[in-house]
Amino acid sequence: MDDTGETIPDYQESLAAFHQAFGDELQAMIGALPIKNGNRVLDLACGDGRYAVWLADRVGPDGRVVAVDLSGAYLTLARQVVNEEDPAGLVRFVEADVFRVPLEDGSFDLAWCARSLRSLPDAVEVLRGMARLVCPGGAVAVLEEDALHHLILPWPEDLELALRQAELEALAAQIGRPRSYYAGRRLPQLAREAGLERISVSTRAIDRWAPLAEPERAFIDLELAALRRRVTNRLDPEMREVFHRLVDPDSDAYLPARPDFTMTCIERVVVGHRPAS
C-alpha cells in the first residue's frame, strides 16, 4: 500500500516469482532487443520495475529509461526495486494511463511493454501510442503470452482437456474479451494493424525440470494455487478429484514434487518499427 492507500495488484507475488524463476531467459530477451548504449527507452505499464532495471543495464550510463504505470502503489514498489539496483539513477518514473502518456512524441528510441497488452481493452491503440512515442524508424517491442497456453505441464490427457475448457470458462467470466486470451500469437497481426513495419518474432520455450530450484518451485506453487481457485467449481466431480490430488501441496501426488516433473513456459517477443518517414 502506498501513501494514498492504493494497494499493489494481487498478482504481484506471482509476477515476482515469474521474474525470479525465469530471470536469465527474460534478461536474454531484453539483451536481444535493438538497444544501443545511450538510447532512450520507454517501459510502458512497468509494474514492479524489474524490466526497467534490465533495460537500464542495456542503455548504459549515457542512456535513459522512463517507466510508466497507472498504479501509484506499483510505482512506489518499482522505485524501491530500481533504487536497489540502479544507483546511477537512469530510470525516471511517470504515473499515467497507457492511453494518455504525457511524454513528447518521437522522444524514445524504443518502447517496451511486457505481459500487459492482453489485459488492456484496445491493444492496437496502445501499440499506436507506443509508435508515436518513438522516433521515426524507432522500435516497439512487446513481450506477451497466450493466457491458456503459456505454461505446459504434464497433466493426464483427459484432465488437460477438462482443464482447458474450465479455464476458458473462468477467463471468459473474468475478462469477457476472448480474443485477449491469445495476445501472444496475435502480436504480429496487432503490430501491423498499428502501422508498424519490419516486424520480427521471437518465441522462447523455457524449460524447467525436477528437482526445481526454490524460485521455480515458488512460481509453480503459486500458479497451481491460482489455477485451483479458477477452475475447481467448473470441473465435474471425477475430474475434480484427480485434479485436487495433483495440485494439493500436501498430497503424495503433488505434481511439482514428482521426480519426473517438467514445465515449459512459452513467451513471445514481437518487435516492429515506426515507419522512417
C-alpha atoms as a PDB file:
ATOM      1  CA  MET A   1       0.000   0.000   0.000  1.00  0.00           C
ATOM      2  CA  ASP A   2       1.319   3.489  -0.845  1.00  0.00           C
ATOM      3  CA  ASP A   3       0.726   6.815   0.907  1.00  0.00           C
ATOM      4  CA  THR A   4      -2.633   7.257  -0.836  1.00  0.00           C
ATOM      5  CA  GLY A   5      -3.923   3.907   0.409  1.00  0.00           C
ATOM      6  CA  GLU A   6      -3.673   2.324  -3.044  1.00  0.00           C
ATOM      7  CA  THR A   7      -2.633  -1.335  -2.984  1.00  0.00           C
ATOM      8  CA  ILE A   8      -0.394  -3.331  -5.277  1.00  0.00           C
ATOM      9  CA  PRO A   9      -2.352  -5.757  -7.515  1.00  0.00           C
ATOM     10  CA  ASP A  10      -2.967  -9.244  -6.149  1.00  0.00           C
ATOM     11  CA  TYR A  11      -0.919 -10.831  -8.928  1.00  0.00           C
ATOM     12  CA  GLN A  12       2.337  -9.162  -7.834  1.00  0.00           C
ATOM     13  CA  GLU A  13       3.503 -12.160  -5.813  1.00  0.00           C
ATOM     14  CA  SER A  14       3.113 -14.377  -8.863  1.00  0.00           C
ATOM     15  CA  LEU A  15       4.777 -11.776 -11.097  1.00  0.00           C
ATOM     16  CA  ALA A  16       7.789 -11.506  -8.802  1.00  0.00           C
ATOM     17  CA  ALA A  17       8.072 -15.306  -8.699  1.00  0.00           C
ATOM     18  CA  PHE A  18       7.937 -15.393 -12.514  1.00  0.00           C
ATOM     19  CA  HIS A  19      10.795 -12.890 -12.754  1.00  0.00           C
ATOM     20  CA  GLN A  20      12.903 -14.857 -10.275  1.00  0.00           C
ATOM     21  CA  ALA A  21      12.214 -18.254 -11.822  1.00  0.00           C
ATOM     22  CA  PHE A  22      12.921 -17.202 -15.409  1.00  0.00           C
ATOM     23  CA  GLY A  23      15.155 -14.176 -14.904  1.00  0.00           C
ATOM     24  CA  ASP A  24      18.067 -15.435 -17.002  1.00  0.00           C
ATOM     25  CA  GLU A  25      15.871 -16.079 -20.041  1.00  0.00           C
ATOM     26  CA  LEU A  26      13.959 -12.822 -19.648  1.00  0.00           C
ATOM     27  CA  GLN A  27      17.209 -10.863 -19.478  1.00  0.00           C
ATOM     28  CA  ALA A  28      18.360 -12.670 -22.615  1.00  0.00           C
ATOM     29  CA  MET A  29      15.196 -11.484 -24.367  1.00  0.00           C
ATOM     30  CA  ILE A  30      15.971  -7.931 -23.264  1.00  0.00           C
ATOM     31  CA  GLY A  31      19.514  -8.463 -24.498  1.00  0.00           C
ATOM     32  CA  ALA A  32      18.231  -9.311 -27.981  1.00  0.00           C
ATOM     33  CA  LEU A  33      16.287  -6.043 -28.357  1.00  0.00           C
ATOM     34  CA  PRO A  34      17.611  -3.373 -30.749  1.00  0.00           C
ATOM     35  CA  ILE A  35      19.005  -1.171 -27.962  1.00  0.00           C
ATOM     36  CA  LYS A  36      22.322   0.662 -28.040  1.00  0.00           C
ATOM     37  CA  ASN A  37      24.311   2.435 -25.372  1.00  0.00           C
ATOM     38  CA  GLY A  38      22.890   5.904 -24.870  1.00  0.00           C
ATOM     39  CA  ASN A  39      19.406   5.038 -26.114  1.00  0.00           C
ATOM     40  CA  ARG A  40      16.196   6.410 -24.612  1.00  0.00           C
ATOM     41  CA  VAL A  41      13.768   3.612 -23.715  1.00  0.00           C
ATOM     42  CA  LEU A  42      10.146   3.685 -22.550  1.00  0.00           C
ATOM     43  CA  ASP A  43       8.889   0.921 -20.229  1.00  0.00           C
ATOM     44  CA  LEU A  44       5.096   1.091 -20.523  1.00  0.00           C
ATOM     45  CA  ALA A  45       2.987  -0.494 -17.753  1.00  0.00           C
ATOM     46  CA  CYS A  46       6.241  -1.057 -15.863  1.00  0.00           C
ATOM     47  CA  GLY A  47       4.739  -2.889 -12.888  1.00  0.00           C
ATOM     48  CA  ASP A  48       7.300  -3.728 -10.226  1.00  0.00           C
ATOM     49  CA  GLY A  49      10.197  -2.182 -12.181  1.00  0.00           C
ATOM     50  CA  ARG A  50      12.109  -5.383 -12.868  1.00  0.00           C
ATOM     51  CA  TYR A  51      12.246  -4.802 -16.632  1.00  0.00           C
ATOM     52  CA  ALA A  52      13.223  -1.164 -16.069  1.00  0.00           C
ATOM     53  CA  VAL A  53      16.324  -2.407 -14.228  1.00  0.00           C
ATOM     54  CA  TRP A  54      17.274  -4.719 -17.080  1.00  0.00           C
ATOM     55  CA  LEU A  55      16.586  -2.027 -19.683  1.00  0.00           C
ATOM     56  CA  ALA A  56      18.719   0.467 -17.757  1.00  0.00           C
ATOM     57  CA  ASP A  57      21.568  -2.005 -17.861  1.00  0.00           C
ATOM     58  CA  ARG A  58      21.244  -2.118 -21.664  1.00  0.00           C
ATOM     59  CA  VAL A  59      21.210   1.646 -22.297  1.00  0.00           C
ATOM     60  CA  GLY A  60      24.293   2.264 -20.172  1.00  0.00           C
ATOM     61  CA  PRO A  61      25.267   5.374 -18.213  1.00  0.00           C
ATOM     62  CA  ASP A  62      24.515   7.733 -21.132  1.00  0.00           C
ATOM     63  CA  GLY A  63      21.029   6.364 -21.736  1.00  0.00           C
ATOM     64  CA  ARG A  64      17.697   6.868 -20.019  1.00  0.00           C
ATOM     65  CA  VAL A  65      14.673   4.723 -19.161  1.00  0.00           C
ATOM     66  CA  VAL A  66      11.238   6.182 -18.431  1.00  0.00           C
ATOM     67  CA  ALA A  67       8.957   3.761 -16.565  1.00  0.00           C
ATOM     68  CA  VAL A  68       5.215   4.466 -16.819  1.00  0.00           C
ATOM     69  CA  ASP A  69       2.398   2.893 -14.827  1.00  0.00           C
ATOM     70  CA  LEU A  70      -1.105   3.938 -13.807  1.00  0.00           C
ATOM     71  CA  SER A  71      -0.738   2.468 -10.315  1.00  0.00           C
ATOM     72  CA  GLY A  72       0.905   4.752  -7.792  1.00  0.00           C
ATOM     73  CA  ALA A  73       1.422   1.766  -5.486  1.00  0.00           C
ATOM     74  CA  TYR A  74       3.201  -0.108  -8.237  1.00  0.00           C
ATOM     75  CA  LEU A  75       5.413   2.898  -8.958  1.00  0.00           C
ATOM     76  CA  THR A  76       6.353   3.076  -5.276  1.00  0.00           C
ATOM     77  CA  LEU A  77       7.422  -0.567  -5.426  1.00  0.00           C
ATOM     78  CA  ALA A  78       9.201  -0.017  -8.748  1.00  0.00           C
ATOM     79  CA  ARG A  79      11.216   2.861  -7.276  1.00  0.00           C
ATOM     80  CA  GLN A  80      12.341   0.594  -4.433  1.00  0.00           C
ATOM     81  CA  VAL A  81      13.354  -2.177  -6.850  1.00  0.00           C
ATOM     82  CA  VAL A  82      15.164   0.196  -9.192  1.00  0.00           C
ATOM     83  CA  ASN A  83      16.922   2.191  -6.452  1.00  0.00           C
ATOM     84  CA  GLU A  84      18.407  -1.018  -5.087  1.00  0.00           C
ATOM     85  CA  GLU A  85      19.879  -1.985  -8.471  1.00  0.00           C
ATOM     86  CA  ASP A  86      20.238   1.295 -10.401  1.00  0.00           C
ATOM     87  CA  PRO A  87      22.395   3.583  -8.270  1.00  0.00           C
ATOM     88  CA  ALA A  88      23.194   5.673 -11.368  1.00  0.00           C
ATOM     89  CA  GLY A  89      19.596   6.927 -11.451  1.00  0.00           C
ATOM     90  CA  LEU A  90      18.963   6.105 -15.112  1.00  0.00           C
ATOM     91  CA  VAL A  91      15.243   5.434 -14.565  1.00  0.00           C
ATOM     92  CA  ARG A  92      12.599   8.142 -14.341  1.00  0.00           C
ATOM     93  CA  PHE A  93       9.034   7.315 -13.244  1.00  0.00           C
ATOM     94  CA  VAL A  94       5.763   8.703 -14.602  1.00  0.00           C
ATOM     95  CA  GLU A  95       2.283   7.912 -13.283  1.00  0.00           C
ATOM     96  CA  ALA A  96      -0.028   7.842 -16.284  1.00  0.00           C
ATOM     97  CA  ASP A  97      -2.660   5.917 -18.200  1.00  0.00           C
ATOM     98  CA  VAL A  98      -1.137   3.910 -21.067  1.00  0.00           C
ATOM     99  CA  PHE A  99      -3.648   5.552 -23.434  1.00  0.00           C
ATOM    100  CA  ARG A 100      -2.634   9.089 -22.373  1.00  0.00           C
ATOM    101  CA  VAL A 101       1.104   9.132 -21.759  1.00  0.00           C
ATOM    102  CA  PRO A 102       2.188  12.758 -21.121  1.00  0.00           C
ATOM    103  CA  LEU A 103       5.507  12.476 -22.954  1.00  0.00           C
ATOM    104  CA  GLU A 104       6.730  14.063 -26.173  1.00  0.00           C
ATOM    105  CA  ASP A 105       6.093  12.159 -29.394  1.00  0.00           C
ATOM    106  CA  GLY A 106       9.240  10.795 -31.016  1.00  0.00           C
ATOM    107  CA  SER A 107      11.290  11.108 -27.829  1.00  0.00           C
ATOM    108  CA  PHE A 108      12.366   7.457 -27.494  1.00  0.00           C
ATOM    109  CA  ASP A 109      14.467   5.009 -29.462  1.00  0.00           C
ATOM    110  CA  LEU A 110      12.479   2.013 -28.230  1.00  0.00           C
ATOM    111  CA  ALA A 111       9.179   1.489 -26.406  1.00  0.00           C
ATOM    112  CA  TRP A 112       8.721  -1.706 -24.387  1.00  0.00           C
ATOM    113  CA  CYS A 113       5.646  -3.345 -22.848  1.00  0.00           C
ATOM    114  CA  ALA A 114       5.810  -6.686 -21.006  1.00  0.00           C
ATOM    115  CA  ARG A 115       2.892  -9.032 -20.302  1.00  0.00           C
ATOM    116  CA  SER A 116       0.335  -6.235 -20.071  1.00  0.00           C
ATOM    117  CA  LEU A 117      -1.140  -5.907 -23.546  1.00  0.00           C
ATOM    118  CA  ARG A 118      -3.638  -8.731 -23.191  1.00  0.00           C
ATOM    119  CA  SER A 119      -5.285  -7.081 -20.176  1.00  0.00           C
ATOM    120  CA  LEU A 120      -5.890  -3.780 -21.980  1.00  0.00           C
ATOM    121  CA  PRO A 121      -9.158  -3.067 -23.830  1.00  0.00           C
ATOM    122  CA  ASP A 122      -7.567  -1.860 -27.089  1.00  0.00           C
ATOM    123  CA  ALA A 123      -4.153  -3.365 -27.760  1.00  0.00           C
ATOM    124  CA  VAL A 124      -3.843  -1.811 -31.231  1.00  0.00           C
ATOM    125  CA  GLU A 125      -4.391   1.675 -29.838  1.00  0.00           C
ATOM    126  CA  VAL A 126      -1.716   1.072 -27.196  1.00  0.00           C
ATOM    127  CA  LEU A 127       0.714  -0.020 -29.916  1.00  0.00           C
ATOM    128  CA  ARG A 128      -0.109   3.073 -31.971  1.00  0.00           C
ATOM    129  CA  GLY A 129       0.599   5.222 -28.937  1.00  0.00           C
ATOM    130  CA  MET A 130       3.921   3.463 -28.411  1.00  0.00           C
ATOM    131  CA  ALA A 131       4.782   4.026 -32.076  1.00  0.00           C
ATOM    132  CA  ARG A 132       4.075   7.757 -31.734  1.00  0.00           C
ATOM    133  CA  LEU A 133       6.417   7.980 -28.776  1.00  0.00           C
ATOM    134  CA  VAL A 134       9.409   6.506 -30.619  1.00  0.00           C
ATOM    135  CA  CYS A 135      11.381   8.399 -33.224  1.00  0.00           C
ATOM    136  CA  PRO A 136      10.921   7.627 -36.954  1.00  0.00           C
ATOM    137  CA  GLY A 137      12.498   4.227 -37.507  1.00  0.00           C
ATOM    138  CA  GLY A 138      12.403   3.547 -33.764  1.00  0.00           C
ATOM    139  CA  ALA A 139      11.312   0.196 -32.346  1.00  0.00           C
ATOM    140  CA  VAL A 140       8.226  -1.003 -30.448  1.00  0.00           C
ATOM    141  CA  ALA A 141       8.807  -4.269 -28.561  1.00  0.00           C
ATOM    142  CA  VAL A 142       6.219  -6.333 -26.701  1.00  0.00           C
ATOM    143  CA  LEU A 143       6.605  -9.433 -24.537  1.00  0.00           C
ATOM    144  CA  GLU A 144       3.360 -11.383 -24.352  1.00  0.00           C
ATOM    145  CA  GLU A 145       1.886 -14.853 -23.982  1.00  0.00           C
ATOM    146  CA  ASP A 146      -1.319 -16.751 -24.604  1.00  0.00           C
ATOM    147  CA  ALA A 147      -3.300 -16.992 -21.397  1.00  0.00           C
ATOM    148  CA  LEU A 148      -4.318 -20.611 -21.956  1.00  0.00           C
ATOM    149  CA  HIS A 149      -1.062 -21.945 -23.359  1.00  0.00           C
ATOM    150  CA  HIS A 150       1.840 -20.144 -21.735  1.00  0.00           C
ATOM    151  CA  LEU A 151       2.577 -22.968 -19.294  1.00  0.00           C
ATOM    152  CA  ILE A 152       2.797 -26.613 -20.406  1.00  0.00           C
ATOM    153  CA  LEU A 153       2.531 -29.140 -17.581  1.00  0.00           C
ATOM    154  CA  PRO A 154       2.438 -32.964 -17.590  1.00  0.00           C
ATOM    155  CA  TRP A 155      -1.287 -33.352 -16.962  1.00  0.00           C
ATOM    156  CA  PRO A 156      -3.071 -36.630 -17.750  1.00  0.00           C
ATOM    157  CA  GLU A 157      -4.588 -36.147 -21.211  1.00  0.00           C
ATOM    158  CA  ASP A 158      -8.242 -36.418 -20.175  1.00  0.00           C
ATOM    159  CA  LEU A 159      -7.722 -33.994 -17.298  1.00  0.00           C
ATOM    160  CA  GLU A 160      -5.954 -31.467 -19.514  1.00  0.00           C
ATOM    161  CA  LEU A 161      -8.922 -31.324 -21.890  1.00  0.00           C
ATOM    162  CA  ALA A 162     -11.265 -30.701 -18.972  1.00  0.00           C
ATOM    163  CA  LEU A 163      -8.908 -28.064 -17.549  1.00  0.00           C
ATOM    164  CA  ARG A 164      -8.705 -26.180 -20.851  1.00  0.00           C
ATOM    165  CA  GLN A 165     -12.499 -25.942 -21.020  1.00  0.00           C
ATOM    166  CA  ALA A 166     -12.753 -24.900 -17.376  1.00  0.00           C
ATOM    167  CA  GLU A 167     -10.023 -22.260 -17.799  1.00  0.00           C
ATOM    168  CA  LEU A 168     -11.720 -20.852 -20.882  1.00  0.00           C
ATOM    169  CA  GLU A 169     -15.000 -20.517 -18.999  1.00  0.00           C
ATOM    170  CA  ALA A 170     -13.258 -18.917 -15.998  1.00  0.00           C
ATOM    171  CA  LEU A 171     -11.367 -16.410 -18.129  1.00  0.00           C
ATOM    172  CA  ALA A 172     -14.498 -15.539 -20.082  1.00  0.00           C
ATOM    173  CA  ALA A 173     -16.258 -14.744 -16.828  1.00  0.00           C
ATOM    174  CA  GLN A 174     -13.283 -12.745 -15.561  1.00  0.00           C
ATOM    175  CA  ILE A 175     -12.146 -10.815 -18.653  1.00  0.00           C
ATOM    176  CA  GLY A 176     -15.015 -11.010 -21.109  1.00  0.00           C
ATOM    177  CA  ARG A 177     -12.796 -10.490 -24.200  1.00  0.00           C
ATOM    178  CA  PRO A 178     -11.981 -13.949 -25.651  1.00  0.00           C
ATOM    179  CA  ARG A 179      -9.509 -12.609 -28.237  1.00  0.00           C
ATOM    180  CA  SER A 180      -7.317 -11.207 -25.464  1.00  0.00           C
ATOM    181  CA  TYR A 181      -6.521 -14.753 -24.282  1.00  0.00           C
ATOM    182  CA  TYR A 182      -4.445 -15.193 -27.441  1.00  0.00           C
ATOM    183  CA  ALA A 183      -2.493 -11.937 -27.411  1.00  0.00           C
ATOM    184  CA  GLY A 184       0.828 -13.718 -27.827  1.00  0.00           C
ATOM    185  CA  ARG A 185       0.027 -15.388 -31.122  1.00  0.00           C
ATOM    186  CA  ARG A 186      -1.834 -12.324 -32.401  1.00  0.00           C
ATOM    187  CA  LEU A 187       1.011  -9.880 -31.734  1.00  0.00           C
ATOM    188  CA  PRO A 188       2.332  -9.740 -35.337  1.00  0.00           C
ATOM    189  CA  GLN A 189      -1.181  -9.034 -36.629  1.00  0.00           C
ATOM    190  CA  LEU A 190      -1.750  -6.391 -33.970  1.00  0.00           C
ATOM    191  CA  ALA A 191       1.570  -4.746 -34.797  1.00  0.00           C
ATOM    192  CA  ARG A 192       0.645  -4.494 -38.483  1.00  0.00           C
ATOM    193  CA  GLU A 193      -2.760  -3.051 -37.630  1.00  0.00           C
ATOM    194  CA  ALA A 194      -0.951  -0.427 -35.560  1.00  0.00           C
ATOM    195  CA  GLY A 195       1.070   0.627 -38.604  1.00  0.00           C
ATOM    196  CA  LEU A 196       4.390  -0.900 -37.594  1.00  0.00           C
ATOM    197  CA  GLU A 197       6.743  -2.342 -40.188  1.00  0.00           C
ATOM    198  CA  ARG A 198       9.816  -4.602 -40.306  1.00  0.00           C
ATOM    199  CA  ILE A 199       8.142  -6.886 -37.790  1.00  0.00           C
ATOM    200  CA  SER A 200      10.149  -9.729 -36.256  1.00  0.00           C
ATOM    201  CA  VAL A 201       9.014 -12.532 -33.960  1.00  0.00           C
ATOM    202  CA  SER A 202      10.997 -14.449 -31.350  1.00  0.00           C
ATOM    203  CA  THR A 203       9.318 -17.196 -29.322  1.00  0.00           C
ATOM    204  CA  ARG A 204      11.096 -18.759 -26.356  1.00  0.00           C
ATOM    205  CA  ALA A 205      10.200 -22.066 -24.729  1.00  0.00           C
ATOM    206  CA  ILE A 206      11.712 -22.012 -21.244  1.00  0.00           C
ATOM    207  CA  ASP A 207      12.118 -25.477 -19.737  1.00  0.00           C
ATOM    208  CA  ARG A 208      12.449 -26.441 -16.101  1.00  0.00           C
ATOM    209  CA  TRP A 209      12.567 -29.918 -14.608  1.00  0.00           C
ATOM    210  CA  ALA A 210      12.873 -31.708 -11.276  1.00  0.00           C
ATOM    211  CA  PRO A 211      14.426 -31.093  -8.889  1.00  0.00           C
ATOM    212  CA  LEU A 212      13.225 -27.496  -9.039  1.00  0.00           C
ATOM    213  CA  ALA A 213      15.224 -24.628  -7.598  1.00  0.00           C
ATOM    214  CA  GLU A 214      13.483 -22.618  -4.869  1.00  0.00           C
ATOM    215  CA  PRO A 215      12.329 -19.729  -7.153  1.00  0.00           C
ATOM    216  CA  GLU A 216      10.965 -22.207  -9.705  1.00  0.00           C
ATOM    217  CA  ARG A 217       9.075 -24.135  -7.042  1.00  0.00           C
ATOM    218  CA  ALA A 218       7.652 -20.898  -5.630  1.00  0.00           C
ATOM    219  CA  PHE A 219       6.451 -19.904  -9.090  1.00  0.00           C
ATOM    220  CA  ILE A 220       4.700 -23.182  -9.901  1.00  0.00           C
ATOM    221  CA  ASP A 221       3.181 -23.417  -6.410  1.00  0.00           C
ATOM    222  CA  LEU A 222       1.540 -20.022  -6.952  1.00  0.00           C
ATOM    223  CA  GLU A 223       0.442 -20.899 -10.477  1.00  0.00           C
ATOM    224  CA  LEU A 224      -1.234 -24.131  -9.383  1.00  0.00           C
ATOM    225  CA  ALA A 225      -2.919 -22.441  -6.423  1.00  0.00           C
ATOM    226  CA  ALA A 226      -4.355 -19.791  -8.745  1.00  0.00           C
ATOM    227  CA  LEU A 227      -5.471 -22.417 -11.245  1.00  0.00           C
ATOM    228  CA  ARG A 228      -7.191 -24.340  -8.470  1.00  0.00           C
ATOM    229  CA  ARG A 229      -9.143 -21.257  -7.430  1.00  0.00           C
ATOM    230  CA  ARG A 230     -10.212 -20.565 -11.024  1.00  0.00           C
ATOM    231  CA  VAL A 231     -11.375 -23.971 -12.177  1.00  0.00           C
ATOM    232  CA  THR A 232     -12.341 -26.166  -9.207  1.00  0.00           C
ATOM    233  CA  ASN A 233     -16.064 -25.395  -9.402  1.00  0.00           C
ATOM    234  CA  ARG A 234     -16.061 -25.866 -13.187  1.00  0.00           C
ATOM    235  CA  LEU A 235     -14.822 -29.464 -13.194  1.00  0.00           C
ATOM    236  CA  ASP A 236     -17.075 -32.497 -12.858  1.00  0.00           C
ATOM    237  CA  PRO A 237     -16.641 -34.484  -9.613  1.00  0.00           C
ATOM    238  CA  GLU A 238     -14.449 -37.186 -11.138  1.00  0.00           C
ATOM    239  CA  MET A 239     -12.036 -34.744 -12.775  1.00  0.00           C
ATOM    240  CA  ARG A 240     -12.076 -32.534  -9.695  1.00  0.00           C
ATOM    241  CA  GLU A 241     -10.864 -35.401  -7.500  1.00  0.00           C
ATOM    242  CA  VAL A 242      -7.975 -36.199  -9.855  1.00  0.00           C
ATOM    243  CA  PHE A 243      -7.101 -32.525 -10.214  1.00  0.00           C
ATOM    244  CA  HIS A 244      -7.067 -31.855  -6.466  1.00  0.00           C
ATOM    245  CA  ARG A 245      -4.644 -34.705  -5.823  1.00  0.00           C
ATOM    246  CA  LEU A 246      -2.236 -33.256  -8.384  1.00  0.00           C
ATOM    247  CA  VAL A 247      -2.414 -29.639  -7.179  1.00  0.00           C
ATOM    248  CA  ASP A 248      -2.626 -30.105  -3.410  1.00  0.00           C
ATOM    249  CA  PRO A 249       0.868 -29.499  -1.940  1.00  0.00           C
ATOM    250  CA  ASP A 250       0.033 -31.886   0.917  1.00  0.00           C
ATOM    251  CA  SER A 251      -0.860 -34.714  -1.465  1.00  0.00           C
ATOM    252  CA  ASP A 252       1.612 -37.523  -2.193  1.00  0.00           C
ATOM    253  CA  ALA A 253       0.708 -36.999  -5.870  1.00  0.00           C
ATOM    254  CA  TYR A 254       1.511 -33.250  -5.960  1.00  0.00           C
ATOM    255  CA  LEU A 255       2.697 -32.626  -9.494  1.00  0.00           C
ATOM    256  CA  PRO A 256       5.810 -30.458  -8.865  1.00  0.00           C
ATOM    257  CA  ALA A 257       7.096 -32.941  -6.264  1.00  0.00           C
ATOM    258  CA  ARG A 258       7.330 -35.760  -8.787  1.00  0.00           C
ATOM    259  CA  PRO A 259      10.894 -36.751  -9.749  1.00  0.00           C
ATOM    260  CA  ASP A 260       9.945 -36.661 -13.438  1.00  0.00           C
ATOM    261  CA  PHE A 261       8.190 -33.266 -13.300  1.00  0.00           C
ATOM    262  CA  THR A 262       8.762 -30.836 -16.164  1.00  0.00           C
ATOM    263  CA  MET A 263       7.270 -27.482 -17.088  1.00  0.00           C
ATOM    264  CA  THR A 264       7.656 -25.320 -20.170  1.00  0.00           C
ATOM    265  CA  CYS A 265       6.864 -21.604 -20.186  1.00  0.00           C
ATOM    266  CA  ILE A 266       6.256 -20.081 -23.620  1.00  0.00           C
ATOM    267  CA  GLU A 267       6.930 -16.381 -24.106  1.00  0.00           C
ATOM    268  CA  ARG A 268       6.947 -14.326 -27.305  1.00  0.00           C
ATOM    269  CA  VAL A 269       8.631 -11.045 -28.162  1.00  0.00           C
ATOM    270  CA  VAL A 270       7.479  -9.140 -31.219  1.00  0.00           C
ATOM    271  CA  VAL A 271       9.424  -6.107 -32.445  1.00  0.00           C
ATOM    272  CA  GLY A 272       8.088  -3.653 -35.007  1.00  0.00           C
ATOM    273  CA  HIS A 273       9.349  -0.309 -36.224  1.00  0.00           C
ATOM    274  CA  ARG A 274       7.742   3.050 -36.756  1.00  0.00           C
ATOM    275  CA  PRO A 275       7.979   3.982 -40.434  1.00  0.00           C
ATOM    276  CA  ALA A 276      11.034   6.123 -41.062  1.00  0.00           C
ATOM    277  CA  SER A 277       9.009   8.748 -42.904  1.00  0.00           C
END
